[in-house]
Amino acid sequence: MSAEELENFETDLELQLYREYRDVAGLFQFVVETDRRFYLANSVRIDPVETRNGLYFDVELKDAWVWDVYRSARFVKHVRVMSFKDVNVEELAHTDPFSVPGAAGPAAGDPTAS
């Protein structure tokens, strides 16, 4: 396998992973980013733990999806991470699945509104 073929293979894996992320993101409530991984999860608990050697974060995720191109099973029930670095958690904003994009209702003074 040439270097170019290997590069194309890795690029295809990343593209497949991105497409999977795009397809499953709506199933999750939180995005969690650590220094080593990126997760989607429906339950997140973070406890800062102080020790003699410094502070670390004990992170517990439930019902999660892991961004890892080399992992065959990305859906996991329970994840526990300990990190001495920053942990970022964002709540995903989901749109109403029954709303029509761009349909804000009739404009004020619109003679065609009934």
PDB file of N, CA and C in Angstrom:
ATOM      1  N   MET A   1       0.847  -1.179   0.000  1.00  0.00           N
ATOM      2  CA  MET A   1       0.000   0.000   0.000  1.00  0.00           C
ATOM      3  C   MET A   1       0.889   1.238   0.000  1.00  0.00           C
ATOM      4  N   SER A   2       0.649   2.117  -0.945  1.00  0.00           N
ATOM      5  CA  SER A   2       1.474   3.321  -1.053  1.00  0.00           C
ATOM      6  C   SER A   2       1.040   4.355  -0.006  1.00  0.00           C
ATOM      7  N   ALA A   3       1.869   5.358   0.170  1.00  0.00           N
ATOM      8  CA  ALA A   3       1.559   6.428   1.118  1.00  0.00           C
ATOM      9  C   ALA A   3       0.278   7.158   0.712  1.00  0.00           C
ATOM     10  N   GLU A   4       0.093   7.330  -0.583  1.00  0.00           N
ATOM     11  CA  GLU A   4      -1.119   8.012  -1.069  1.00  0.00           C
ATOM     12  C   GLU A   4      -2.364   7.171  -0.794  1.00  0.00           C
ATOM     13  N   GLU A   5      -2.272   5.854  -1.007  1.00  0.00           N
ATOM     14  CA  GLU A   5      -3.411   4.965  -0.728  1.00  0.00           C
ATOM     15  C   GLU A   5      -3.751   4.966   0.755  1.00  0.00           C
ATOM     16  N   LEU A   6      -2.723   4.973   1.599  1.00  0.00           N
ATOM     17  CA  LEU A   6      -2.946   5.033   3.044  1.00  0.00           C
ATOM     18  C   LEU A   6      -3.609   6.341   3.434  1.00  0.00           C
ATOM     19  N   GLU A   7      -3.156   7.425   2.857  1.00  0.00           N
ATOM     20  CA  GLU A   7      -3.751   8.746   3.116  1.00  0.00           C
ATOM     21  C   GLU A   7      -5.219   8.763   2.693  1.00  0.00           C
ATOM     22  N   ASN A   8      -5.520   8.221   1.513  1.00  0.00           N
ATOM     23  CA  ASN A   8      -6.910   8.168   1.037  1.00  0.00           C
ATOM     24  C   ASN A   8      -7.772   7.289   1.936  1.00  0.00           C
ATOM     25  N   PHE A   9      -7.219   6.177   2.404  1.00  0.00           N
ATOM     26  CA  PHE A   9      -7.948   5.283   3.305  1.00  0.00           C
ATOM     27  C   PHE A   9      -8.310   6.002   4.599  1.00  0.00           C
ATOM     28  N   GLU A  10      -7.342   6.702   5.205  1.00  0.00           N
ATOM     29  CA  GLU A  10      -7.588   7.433   6.450  1.00  0.00           C
ATOM     30  C   GLU A  10      -8.581   8.575   6.239  1.00  0.00           C
ATOM     31  N   THR A  11      -8.501   9.232   5.102  1.00  0.00           N
ATOM     32  CA  THR A  11      -9.445  10.307   4.785  1.00  0.00           C
ATOM     33  C   THR A  11     -10.860   9.755   4.662  1.00  0.00           C
ATOM     34  N   ASP A  12     -11.006   8.609   4.024  1.00  0.00           N
ATOM     35  CA  ASP A  12     -12.321   7.970   3.898  1.00  0.00           C
ATOM     36  C   ASP A  12     -12.873   7.574   5.268  1.00  0.00           C
ATOM     37  N   LEU A  13     -12.004   7.056   6.154  1.00  0.00           N
ATOM     38  CA  LEU A  13     -12.456   6.703   7.508  1.00  0.00           C
ATOM     39  C   LEU A  13     -12.960   7.928   8.257  1.00  0.00           C
ATOM     40  N   GLU A  14     -12.229   9.035   8.158  1.00  0.00           N
ATOM     41  CA  GLU A  14     -12.642  10.273   8.824  1.00  0.00           C
ATOM     42  C   GLU A  14     -13.973  10.784   8.270  1.00  0.00           C
ATOM     43  N   LEU A  15     -14.153  10.694   6.960  1.00  0.00           N
ATOM     44  CA  LEU A  15     -15.402  11.131   6.344  1.00  0.00           C
ATOM     45  C   LEU A  15     -16.569  10.259   6.800  1.00  0.00           C
ATOM     46  N   GLN A  16     -16.360   8.951   6.870  1.00  0.00           N
ATOM     47  CA  GLN A  16     -17.410   8.047   7.368  1.00  0.00           C
ATOM     48  C   GLN A  16     -17.758   8.368   8.812  1.00  0.00           C
ATOM     49  N   LEU A  17     -16.739   8.669   9.626  1.00  0.00           N
ATOM     50  CA  LEU A  17     -16.963   9.006  11.031  1.00  0.00           C
ATOM     51  C   LEU A  17     -17.755  10.298  11.149  1.00  0.00           C
ATOM     52  N   TYR A  18     -17.397  11.305  10.348  1.00  0.00           N
ATOM     53  CA  TYR A  18     -18.140  12.565  10.369  1.00  0.00           C
ATOM     54  C   TYR A  18     -19.603  12.337   9.995  1.00  0.00           C
ATOM     55  N   ARG A  19     -19.847  11.524   8.981  1.00  0.00           N
ATOM     56  CA  ARG A  19     -21.232  11.253   8.565  1.00  0.00           C
ATOM     57  C   ARG A  19     -22.003  10.538   9.667  1.00  0.00           C
ATOM     58  N   GLU A  20     -21.345   9.611  10.344  1.00  0.00           N
ATOM     59  CA  GLU A  20     -22.004   8.930  11.460  1.00  0.00           C
ATOM     60  C   GLU A  20     -22.324   9.928  12.574  1.00  0.00           C
ATOM     61  N   TYR A  21     -21.362  10.802  12.890  1.00  0.00           N
ATOM     62  CA  TYR A  21     -21.588  11.843  13.900  1.00  0.00           C
ATOM     63  C   TYR A  21     -22.795  12.695  13.533  1.00  0.00           C
ATOM     64  N   ARG A  22     -22.849  13.128  12.291  1.00  0.00           N
ATOM     65  CA  ARG A  22     -23.951  13.965  11.821  1.00  0.00           C
ATOM     66  C   ARG A  22     -25.284  13.239  11.977  1.00  0.00           C
ATOM     67  N   ASP A  23     -25.307  11.935  11.710  1.00  0.00           N
ATOM     68  CA  ASP A  23     -26.531  11.145  11.808  1.00  0.00           C
ATOM     69  C   ASP A  23     -26.975  10.902  13.243  1.00  0.00           C
ATOM     70  N   VAL A  24     -26.040  10.784  14.177  1.00  0.00           N
ATOM     71  CA  VAL A  24     -26.415  10.439  15.551  1.00  0.00           C
ATOM     72  C   VAL A  24     -26.464  11.632  16.503  1.00  0.00           C
ATOM     73  N   ALA A  25     -25.955  12.778  16.120  1.00  0.00           N
ATOM     74  CA  ALA A  25     -25.875  13.923  17.031  1.00  0.00           C
ATOM     75  C   ALA A  25     -27.231  14.302  17.625  1.00  0.00           C
ATOM     76  N   GLY A  26     -28.294  14.162  16.862  1.00  0.00           N
ATOM     77  CA  GLY A  26     -29.622  14.515  17.350  1.00  0.00           C
ATOM     78  C   GLY A  26     -30.150  13.603  18.440  1.00  0.00           C
ATOM     79  N   LEU A  27     -29.485  12.479  18.660  1.00  0.00           N
ATOM     80  CA  LEU A  27     -29.918  11.540  19.695  1.00  0.00           C
ATOM     81  C   LEU A  27     -29.370  11.888  21.076  1.00  0.00           C
ATOM     82  N   PHE A  28     -28.471  12.860  21.131  1.00  0.00           N
ATOM     83  CA  PHE A  28     -27.753  13.140  22.371  1.00  0.00           C
ATOM     84  C   PHE A  28     -27.993  14.557  22.859  1.00  0.00           C
ATOM     85  N   GLN A  29     -27.806  14.737  24.167  1.00  0.00           N
ATOM     86  CA  GLN A  29     -28.067  16.021  24.810  1.00  0.00           C
ATOM     87  C   GLN A  29     -26.806  16.859  25.015  1.00  0.00           C
ATOM     88  N   PHE A  30     -25.648  16.192  25.151  1.00  0.00           N
ATOM     89  CA  PHE A  30     -24.416  16.916  25.468  1.00  0.00           C
ATOM     90  C   PHE A  30     -23.269  16.532  24.533  1.00  0.00           C
ATOM     91  N   VAL A  31     -22.379  17.499  24.320  1.00  0.00           N
ATOM     92  CA  VAL A  31     -21.090  17.283  23.673  1.00  0.00           C
ATOM     93  C   VAL A  31     -20.048  17.426  24.769  1.00  0.00           C
ATOM     94  N   VAL A  32     -19.146  16.450  24.879  1.00  0.00           N
ATOM     95  CA  VAL A  32     -18.102  16.476  25.896  1.00  0.00           C
ATOM     96  C   VAL A  32     -16.762  16.321  25.186  1.00  0.00           C
ATOM     97  N   GLU A  33     -15.848  17.244  25.477  1.00  0.00           N
ATOM     98  CA  GLU A  33     -14.523  17.206  24.864  1.00  0.00           C
ATOM     99  C   GLU A  33     -13.473  17.154  25.956  1.00  0.00           C
ATOM    100  N   THR A  34     -12.625  16.136  25.901  1.00  0.00           N
ATOM    101  CA  THR A  34     -11.501  16.022  26.826  1.00  0.00           C
ATOM    102  C   THR A  34     -10.220  16.187  26.015  1.00  0.00           C
ATOM    103  N   ASP A  35      -9.093  16.078  26.668  1.00  0.00           N
ATOM    104  CA  ASP A  35      -7.826  16.230  25.951  1.00  0.00           C
ATOM    105  C   ASP A  35      -7.555  15.057  25.015  1.00  0.00           C
ATOM    106  N   ARG A  36      -8.242  13.932  25.208  1.00  0.00           N
ATOM    107  CA  ARG A  36      -7.978  12.754  24.379  1.00  0.00           C
ATOM    108  C   ARG A  36      -9.120  12.345  23.465  1.00  0.00           C
ATOM    109  N   ARG A  37     -10.367  12.698  23.800  1.00  0.00           N
ATOM    110  CA  ARG A  37     -11.514  12.203  23.047  1.00  0.00           C
ATOM    111  C   ARG A  37     -12.616  13.258  22.958  1.00  0.00           C
ATOM    112  N   PHE A  38     -13.543  12.963  22.066  1.00  0.00           N
ATOM    113  CA  PHE A  38     -14.740  13.774  21.846  1.00  0.00           C
ATOM    114  C   PHE A  38     -15.925  12.815  21.991  1.00  0.00           C
ATOM    115  N   TYR A  39     -16.920  13.197  22.799  1.00  0.00           N
ATOM    116  CA  TYR A  39     -18.059  12.328  23.072  1.00  0.00           C
ATOM    117  C   TYR A  39     -19.369  13.066  22.850  1.00  0.00           C
ATOM    118  N   LEU A  40     -20.401  12.307  22.555  1.00  0.00           N
ATOM    119  CA  LEU A  40     -21.782  12.759  22.648  1.00  0.00           C
ATOM    120  C   LEU A  40     -22.374  11.928  23.779  1.00  0.00           C
ATOM    121  N   ALA A  41     -23.221  12.522  24.632  1.00  0.00           N
ATOM    122  CA  ALA A  41     -23.775  11.764  25.761  1.00  0.00           C
ATOM    123  C   ALA A  41     -25.125  12.342  26.167  1.00  0.00           C
ATOM    124  N   ASN A  42     -25.901  11.521  26.847  1.00  0.00           N
ATOM    125  CA  ASN A  42     -27.187  11.977  27.379  1.00  0.00           C
ATOM    126  C   ASN A  42     -27.136  12.255  28.867  1.00  0.00           C
ATOM    127  N   SER A  43     -26.085  11.835  29.534  1.00  0.00           N
ATOM    128  CA  SER A  43     -25.911  12.114  30.961  1.00  0.00           C
ATOM    129  C   SER A  43     -24.438  12.384  31.215  1.00  0.00           C
ATOM    130  N   VAL A  44     -24.148  13.487  31.917  1.00  0.00           N
ATOM    131  CA  VAL A  44     -22.766  13.875  32.203  1.00  0.00           C
ATOM    132  C   VAL A  44     -22.659  14.265  33.669  1.00  0.00           C
ATOM    133  N   ARG A  45     -21.652  13.725  34.334  1.00  0.00           N
ATOM    134  CA  ARG A  45     -21.324  14.120  35.709  1.00  0.00           C
ATOM    135  C   ARG A  45     -19.832  14.418  35.747  1.00  0.00           C
ATOM    136  N   ILE A  46     -19.466  15.572  36.321  1.00  0.00           N
ATOM    137  CA  ILE A  46     -18.051  15.937  36.455  1.00  0.00           C
ATOM    138  C   ILE A  46     -17.790  16.305  37.902  1.00  0.00           C
ATOM    139  N   ASP A  47     -16.812  15.648  38.490  1.00  0.00           N
ATOM    140  CA  ASP A  47     -16.397  15.958  39.854  1.00  0.00           C
ATOM    141  C   ASP A  47     -14.934  16.366  39.839  1.00  0.00           C
ATOM    142  N   PRO A  48     -14.632  17.598  40.279  1.00  0.00           N
ATOM    143  CA  PRO A  48     -13.219  17.965  40.436  1.00  0.00           C
ATOM    144  C   PRO A  48     -12.679  17.272  41.692  1.00  0.00           C
ATOM    145  N   VAL A  49     -11.515  16.667  41.583  1.00  0.00           N
ATOM    146  CA  VAL A  49     -10.917  15.940  42.700  1.00  0.00           C
ATOM    147  C   VAL A  49      -9.545  16.542  42.978  1.00  0.00           C
ATOM    148  N   GLU A  50      -9.352  17.006  44.225  1.00  0.00           N
ATOM    149  CA  GLU A  50      -8.059  17.571  44.612  1.00  0.00           C
ATOM    150  C   GLU A  50      -7.233  16.513  45.324  1.00  0.00           C
ATOM    151  N   THR A  51      -5.984  16.408  44.922  1.00  0.00           N
ATOM    152  CA  THR A  51      -5.042  15.490  45.553  1.00  0.00           C
ATOM    153  C   THR A  51      -3.786  16.267  45.923  1.00  0.00           C
ATOM    154  N   ARG A  52      -2.846  15.593  46.572  1.00  0.00           N
ATOM    155  CA  ARG A  52      -1.573  16.251  46.897  1.00  0.00           C
ATOM    156  C   ARG A  52      -0.840  16.679  45.640  1.00  0.00           C
ATOM    157  N   ASN A  53      -1.061  15.944  44.548  1.00  0.00           N
ATOM    158  CA  ASN A  53      -0.349  16.217  43.299  1.00  0.00           C
ATOM    159  C   ASN A  53      -1.073  17.173  42.368  1.00  0.00           C
ATOM    160  N   GLY A  54      -2.237  17.634  42.754  1.00  0.00           N
ATOM    161  CA  GLY A  54      -2.961  18.573  41.914  1.00  0.00           C
ATOM    162  C   GLY A  54      -4.425  18.199  41.754  1.00  0.00           C
ATOM    163  N   LEU A  55      -5.064  18.851  40.827  1.00  0.00           N
ATOM    164  CA  LEU A  55      -6.489  18.679  40.573  1.00  0.00           C
ATOM    165  C   LEU A  55      -6.703  17.838  39.323  1.00  0.00           C
ATOM    166  N   TYR A  56      -7.680  16.927  39.372  1.00  0.00           N
ATOM    167  CA  TYR A  56      -8.095  16.235  38.166  1.00  0.00           C
ATOM    168  C   TYR A  56      -9.608  16.176  38.138  1.00  0.00           C
ATOM    169  N   PHE A  57     -10.153  15.895  36.971  1.00  0.00           N
ATOM    170  CA  PHE A  57     -11.597  15.819  36.792  1.00  0.00           C
ATOM    171  C   PHE A  57     -12.006  14.370  36.589  1.00  0.00           C
ATOM    172  N   ASP A  58     -12.944  13.935  37.401  1.00  0.00           N
ATOM    173  CA  ASP A  58     -13.527  12.607  37.266  1.00  0.00           C
ATOM    174  C   ASP A  58     -14.833  12.798  36.489  1.00  0.00           C
ATOM    175  N   VAL A  59     -14.875  12.293  35.264  1.00  0.00           N
ATOM    176  CA  VAL A  59     -16.005  12.513  34.364  1.00  0.00           C
ATOM    177  C   VAL A  59     -16.711  11.182  34.133  1.00  0.00           C
ATOM    178  N   GLU A  60     -18.021  11.190  34.300  1.00  0.00           N
ATOM    179  CA  GLU A  60     -18.818   9.989  34.045  1.00  0.00           C
ATOM    180  C   GLU A  60     -19.875  10.326  33.003  1.00  0.00           C
ATOM    181  N   LEU A  61     -19.915   9.522  31.956  1.00  0.00           N
ATOM    182  CA  LEU A  61     -20.884   9.700  30.880  1.00  0.00           C
ATOM    183  C   LEU A  61     -21.734   8.444  30.780  1.00  0.00           C
ATOM    184  N   LYS A  62     -23.009   8.633  30.520  1.00  0.00           N
ATOM    185  CA  LYS A  62     -23.899   7.495  30.292  1.00  0.00           C
ATOM    186  C   LYS A  62     -24.597   7.689  28.962  1.00  0.00           C
ATOM    187  N   ASP A  63     -24.887   6.570  28.307  1.00  0.00           N
ATOM    188  CA  ASP A  63     -25.533   6.576  26.996  1.00  0.00           C
ATOM    189  C   ASP A  63     -24.735   7.488  26.063  1.00  0.00           C
ATOM    190  N   ALA A  64     -23.573   7.025  25.647  1.00  0.00           N
ATOM    191  CA  ALA A  64     -22.623   7.884  24.937  1.00  0.00           C
ATOM    192  C   ALA A  64     -22.227   7.314  23.575  1.00  0.00           C
ATOM    193  N   TRP A  65     -21.657   8.201  22.782  1.00  0.00           N
ATOM    194  CA  TRP A  65     -21.070   7.871  21.479  1.00  0.00           C
ATOM    195  C   TRP A  65     -19.676   8.477  21.471  1.00  0.00           C
ATOM    196  N   VAL A  66     -18.676   7.718  21.025  1.00  0.00           N
ATOM    197  CA  VAL A  66     -17.281   8.150  21.069  1.00  0.00           C
ATOM    198  C   VAL A  66     -16.776   8.446  19.663  1.00  0.00           C
ATOM    199  N   TRP A  67     -16.163   9.626  19.490  1.00  0.00           N
ATOM    200  CA  TRP A  67     -15.532   9.972  18.214  1.00  0.00           C
ATOM    201  C   TRP A  67     -14.165   9.304  18.207  1.00  0.00           C
ATOM    202  N   ASP A  68     -14.062   8.173  17.549  1.00  0.00           N
ATOM    203  CA  ASP A  68     -12.794   7.448  17.462  1.00  0.00           C
ATOM    204  C   ASP A  68     -12.822   6.629  16.183  1.00  0.00           C
ATOM    205  N   VAL A  69     -12.020   7.016  15.236  1.00  0.00           N
ATOM    206  CA  VAL A  69     -12.042   6.410  13.908  1.00  0.00           C
ATOM    207  C   VAL A  69     -11.651   4.940  13.936  1.00  0.00           C
ATOM    208  N   TYR A  70     -10.866   4.528  14.905  1.00  0.00           N
ATOM    209  CA  TYR A  70     -10.380   3.152  14.940  1.00  0.00           C
ATOM    210  C   TYR A  70     -11.216   2.236  15.834  1.00  0.00           C
ATOM    211  N   ARG A  71     -12.289   2.734  16.377  1.00  0.00           N
ATOM    212  CA  ARG A  71     -13.146   1.959  17.268  1.00  0.00           C
ATOM    213  C   ARG A  71     -14.302   1.378  16.469  1.00  0.00           C
ATOM    214  N   SER A  72     -14.539   0.092  16.578  1.00  0.00           N
ATOM    215  CA  SER A  72     -15.629  -0.512  15.813  1.00  0.00           C
ATOM    216  C   SER A  72     -16.982  -0.284  16.455  1.00  0.00           C
ATOM    217  N   ALA A  73     -17.041  -0.258  17.786  1.00  0.00           N
ATOM    218  CA  ALA A  73     -18.305  -0.017  18.500  1.00  0.00           C
ATOM    219  C   ALA A  73     -18.213   1.343  19.186  1.00  0.00           C
ATOM    220  N   ARG A  74     -18.848   2.345  18.594  1.00  0.00           N
ATOM    221  CA  ARG A  74     -18.745   3.703  19.137  1.00  0.00           C
ATOM    222  C   ARG A  74     -19.832   4.030  20.163  1.00  0.00           C
ATOM    223  N   PHE A  75     -20.905   3.263  20.186  1.00  0.00           N
ATOM    224  CA  PHE A  75     -21.949   3.477  21.187  1.00  0.00           C
ATOM    225  C   PHE A  75     -21.568   2.725  22.463  1.00  0.00           C
ATOM    226  N   VAL A  76     -21.560   3.444  23.587  1.00  0.00           N
ATOM    227  CA  VAL A  76     -21.219   2.827  24.866  1.00  0.00           C
ATOM    228  C   VAL A  76     -22.234   3.227  25.928  1.00  0.00           C
ATOM    229  N   LYS A  77     -22.490   2.309  26.857  1.00  0.00           N
ATOM    230  CA  LYS A  77     -23.454   2.575  27.926  1.00  0.00           C
ATOM    231  C   LYS A  77     -22.874   3.483  28.999  1.00  0.00           C
ATOM    232  N   HIS A  78     -21.595   3.270  29.324  1.00  0.00           N
ATOM    233  CA  HIS A  78     -20.999   3.968  30.453  1.00  0.00           C
ATOM    234  C   HIS A  78     -19.528   4.255  30.148  1.00  0.00           C
ATOM    235  N   VAL A  79     -19.114   5.498  30.366  1.00  0.00           N
ATOM    236  CA  VAL A  79     -17.722   5.901  30.150  1.00  0.00           C
ATOM    237  C   VAL A  79     -17.260   6.639  31.392  1.00  0.00           C
ATOM    238  N   ARG A  80     -16.058   6.331  31.826  1.00  0.00           N
ATOM    239  CA  ARG A  80     -15.469   7.074  32.943  1.00  0.00           C
ATOM    240  C   ARG A  80     -14.103   7.558  32.497  1.00  0.00           C
ATOM    241  N   VAL A  81     -13.883   8.858  32.641  1.00  0.00           N
ATOM    242  CA  VAL A  81     -12.648   9.498  32.199  1.00  0.00           C
ATOM    243  C   VAL A  81     -12.066  10.264  33.367  1.00  0.00           C
ATOM    244  N   MET A  82     -10.763  10.184  33.532  1.00  0.00           N
ATOM    245  CA  MET A  82     -10.070  11.013  34.509  1.00  0.00           C
ATOM    246  C   MET A  82      -9.082  11.868  33.742  1.00  0.00           C
ATOM    247  N   SER A  83      -9.186  13.184  33.912  1.00  0.00           N
ATOM    248  CA  SER A  83      -8.363  14.085  33.118  1.00  0.00           C
ATOM    249  C   SER A  83      -7.739  15.160  33.999  1.00  0.00           C
ATOM    250  N   PHE A  84      -6.451  15.396  33.785  1.00  0.00           N
ATOM    251  CA  PHE A  84      -5.755  16.483  34.470  1.00  0.00           C
ATOM    252  C   PHE A  84      -5.851  17.779  33.670  1.00  0.00           C
ATOM    253  N   LYS A  85      -6.473  17.702  32.506  1.00  0.00           N
ATOM    254  CA  LYS A  85      -6.612  18.875  31.644  1.00  0.00           C
ATOM    255  C   LYS A  85      -8.071  19.304  31.579  1.00  0.00           C
ATOM    256  N   ASP A  86      -8.344  20.342  30.817  1.00  0.00           N
ATOM    257  CA  ASP A  86      -9.697  20.878  30.699  1.00  0.00           C
ATOM    258  C   ASP A  86     -10.668  19.850  30.156  1.00  0.00           C
ATOM    259  N   VAL A  87     -11.911  19.948  30.635  1.00  0.00           N
ATOM    260  CA  VAL A  87     -13.019  19.156  30.115  1.00  0.00           C
ATOM    261  C   VAL A  87     -14.107  20.147  29.734  1.00  0.00           C
ATOM    262  N   ASN A  88     -14.517  20.128  28.475  1.00  0.00           N
ATOM    263  CA  ASN A  88     -15.556  21.041  27.998  1.00  0.00           C
ATOM    264  C   ASN A  88     -16.856  20.271  27.807  1.00  0.00           C
ATOM    265  N   VAL A  89     -17.945  20.837  28.338  1.00  0.00           N
ATOM    266  CA  VAL A  89     -19.272  20.239  28.186  1.00  0.00           C
ATOM    267  C   VAL A  89     -20.190  21.298  27.620  1.00  0.00           C
ATOM    268  N   GLU A  90     -20.882  20.942  26.552  1.00  0.00           N
ATOM    269  CA  GLU A  90     -21.862  21.848  25.943  1.00  0.00           C
ATOM    270  C   GLU A  90     -23.175  21.113  25.806  1.00  0.00           C
ATOM    271  N   GLU A  91     -24.257  21.810  26.110  1.00  0.00           N
ATOM    272  CA  GLU A  91     -25.574  21.227  25.893  1.00  0.00           C
ATOM    273  C   GLU A  91     -25.979  21.526  24.454  1.00  0.00           C
ATOM    274  N   LEU A  92     -26.386  20.495  23.750  1.00  0.00           N
ATOM    275  CA  LEU A  92     -26.793  20.669  22.360  1.00  0.00           C
ATOM    276  C   LEU A  92     -28.167  21.326  22.293  1.00  0.00           C
ATOM    277  N   ALA A  93     -28.322  22.240  21.367  1.00  0.00           N
ATOM    278  CA  ALA A  93     -29.609  22.885  21.133  1.00  0.00           C
ATOM    279  C   ALA A  93     -30.290  22.144  19.995  1.00  0.00           C
ATOM    280  N   HIS A  94     -31.378  21.478  20.319  1.00  0.00           N
ATOM    281  CA  HIS A  94     -32.118  20.753  19.290  1.00  0.00           C
ATOM    282  C   HIS A  94     -33.310  21.591  18.875  1.00  0.00           C
ATOM    283  N   THR A  95     -33.548  21.628  17.581  1.00  0.00           N
ATOM    284  CA  THR A  95     -34.710  22.355  17.088  1.00  0.00           C
ATOM    285  C   THR A  95     -35.944  21.493  17.247  1.00  0.00           C
ATOM    286  N   ASP A  96     -37.084  22.117  17.250  1.00  0.00           N
ATOM    287  CA  ASP A  96     -38.351  21.400  17.341  1.00  0.00           C
ATOM    288  C   ASP A  96     -38.493  20.535  16.093  1.00  0.00           C
ATOM    289  N   PRO A  97     -38.636  19.213  16.263  1.00  0.00           N
ATOM    290  CA  PRO A  97     -38.712  18.349  15.087  1.00  0.00           C
ATOM    291  C   PRO A  97     -39.980  18.567  14.262  1.00  0.00           C
ATOM    292  N   PHE A  98     -40.960  19.278  14.809  1.00  0.00           N
ATOM    293  CA  PHE A  98     -42.211  19.496  14.098  1.00  0.00           C
ATOM    294  C   PHE A  98     -42.305  20.881  13.481  1.00  0.00           C
ATOM    295  N   SER A  99     -41.245  21.687  13.615  1.00  0.00           N
ATOM    296  CA  SER A  99     -41.279  23.018  13.028  1.00  0.00           C
ATOM    297  C   SER A  99     -40.791  22.958  11.585  1.00  0.00           C
ATOM    298  N   VAL A 100     -41.261  23.900  10.804  1.00  0.00           N
ATOM    299  CA  VAL A 100     -40.851  24.002   9.406  1.00  0.00           C
ATOM    300  C   VAL A 100     -39.832  25.126   9.316  1.00  0.00           C
ATOM    301  N   PRO A 101     -38.602  24.822   8.856  1.00  0.00           N
ATOM    302  CA  PRO A 101     -37.579  25.867   8.767  1.00  0.00           C
ATOM    303  C   PRO A 101     -38.055  27.044   7.925  1.00  0.00           C
ATOM    304  N   GLY A 102     -37.839  28.254   8.437  1.00  0.00           N
ATOM    305  CA  GLY A 102     -38.200  29.459   7.705  1.00  0.00           C
ATOM    306  C   GLY A 102     -39.675  29.819   7.803  1.00  0.00           C
ATOM    307  N   ALA A 103     -40.468  29.051   8.515  1.00  0.00           N
ATOM    308  CA  ALA A 103     -41.899  29.342   8.638  1.00  0.00           C
ATOM    309  C   ALA A 103     -42.154  30.018   9.975  1.00  0.00           C
ATOM    310  N   ALA A 104     -41.989  31.334  10.000  1.00  0.00           N
ATOM    311  CA  ALA A 104     -42.169  32.097  11.228  1.00  0.00           C
ATOM    312  C   ALA A 104     -43.617  32.519  11.423  1.00  0.00           C
ATOM    313  N   GLY A 105     -44.469  32.212  10.498  1.00  0.00           N
ATOM    314  CA  GLY A 105     -45.861  32.639  10.595  1.00  0.00           C
ATOM    315  C   GLY A 105     -46.105  33.810   9.679  1.00  0.00           C
ATOM    316  N   PRO A 106     -47.352  34.243   9.566  1.00  0.00           N
ATOM    317  CA  PRO A 106     -47.657  35.351   8.661  1.00  0.00           C
ATOM    318  C   PRO A 106     -47.054  36.660   9.170  1.00  0.00           C
ATOM    319  N   ALA A 107     -46.604  37.466   8.239  1.00  0.00           N
ATOM    320  CA  ALA A 107     -46.024  38.769   8.587  1.00  0.00           C
ATOM    321  C   ALA A 107     -47.124  39.725   9.025  1.00  0.00           C
ATOM    322  N   ALA A 108     -46.786  40.631   9.923  1.00  0.00           N
ATOM    323  CA  ALA A 108     -47.768  41.629  10.378  1.00  0.00           C
ATOM    324  C   ALA A 108     -48.234  42.468   9.220  1.00  0.00           C
ATOM    325  N   GLY A 109     -49.525  42.641   9.109  1.00  0.00           N
ATOM    326  CA  GLY A 109     -50.104  43.450   8.038  1.00  0.00           C
ATOM    327  C   GLY A 109     -50.197  42.733   6.720  1.00  0.00           C
ATOM    328  N   ASP A 110     -49.932  41.433   6.683  1.00  0.00           N
ATOM    329  CA  ASP A 110     -49.978  40.667   5.440  1.00  0.00           C
ATOM    330  C   ASP A 110     -51.439  40.447   5.056  1.00  0.00           C
ATOM    331  N   PRO A 111     -51.877  41.005   3.913  1.00  0.00           N
ATOM    332  CA  PRO A 111     -53.286  40.880   3.523  1.00  0.00           C
ATOM    333  C   PRO A 111     -53.686  39.450   3.156  1.00  0.00           C
ATOM    334  N   THR A 112     -52.687  38.584   2.893  1.00  0.00           N
ATOM    335  CA  THR A 112     -53.033  37.212   2.531  1.00  0.00           C
ATOM    336  C   THR A 112     -53.203  36.339   3.762  1.00  0.00           C
ATOM    337  N   ALA A 113     -52.843  36.862   4.951  1.00  0.00           N
ATOM    338  CA  ALA A 113     -53.021  36.067   6.178  1.00  0.00           C
ATOM    339  C   ALA A 113     -54.493  35.992   6.510  1.00  0.00           C
ATOM    340  N   SER A 114     -54.947  34.829   6.905  1.00  0.00           N
ATOM    341  CA  SER A 114     -56.375  34.698   7.208  1.00  0.00           C
ATOM    342  C   SER A 114     -56.674  34.839   8.650  1.00  0.00           C
TER     343      SER A 114
END
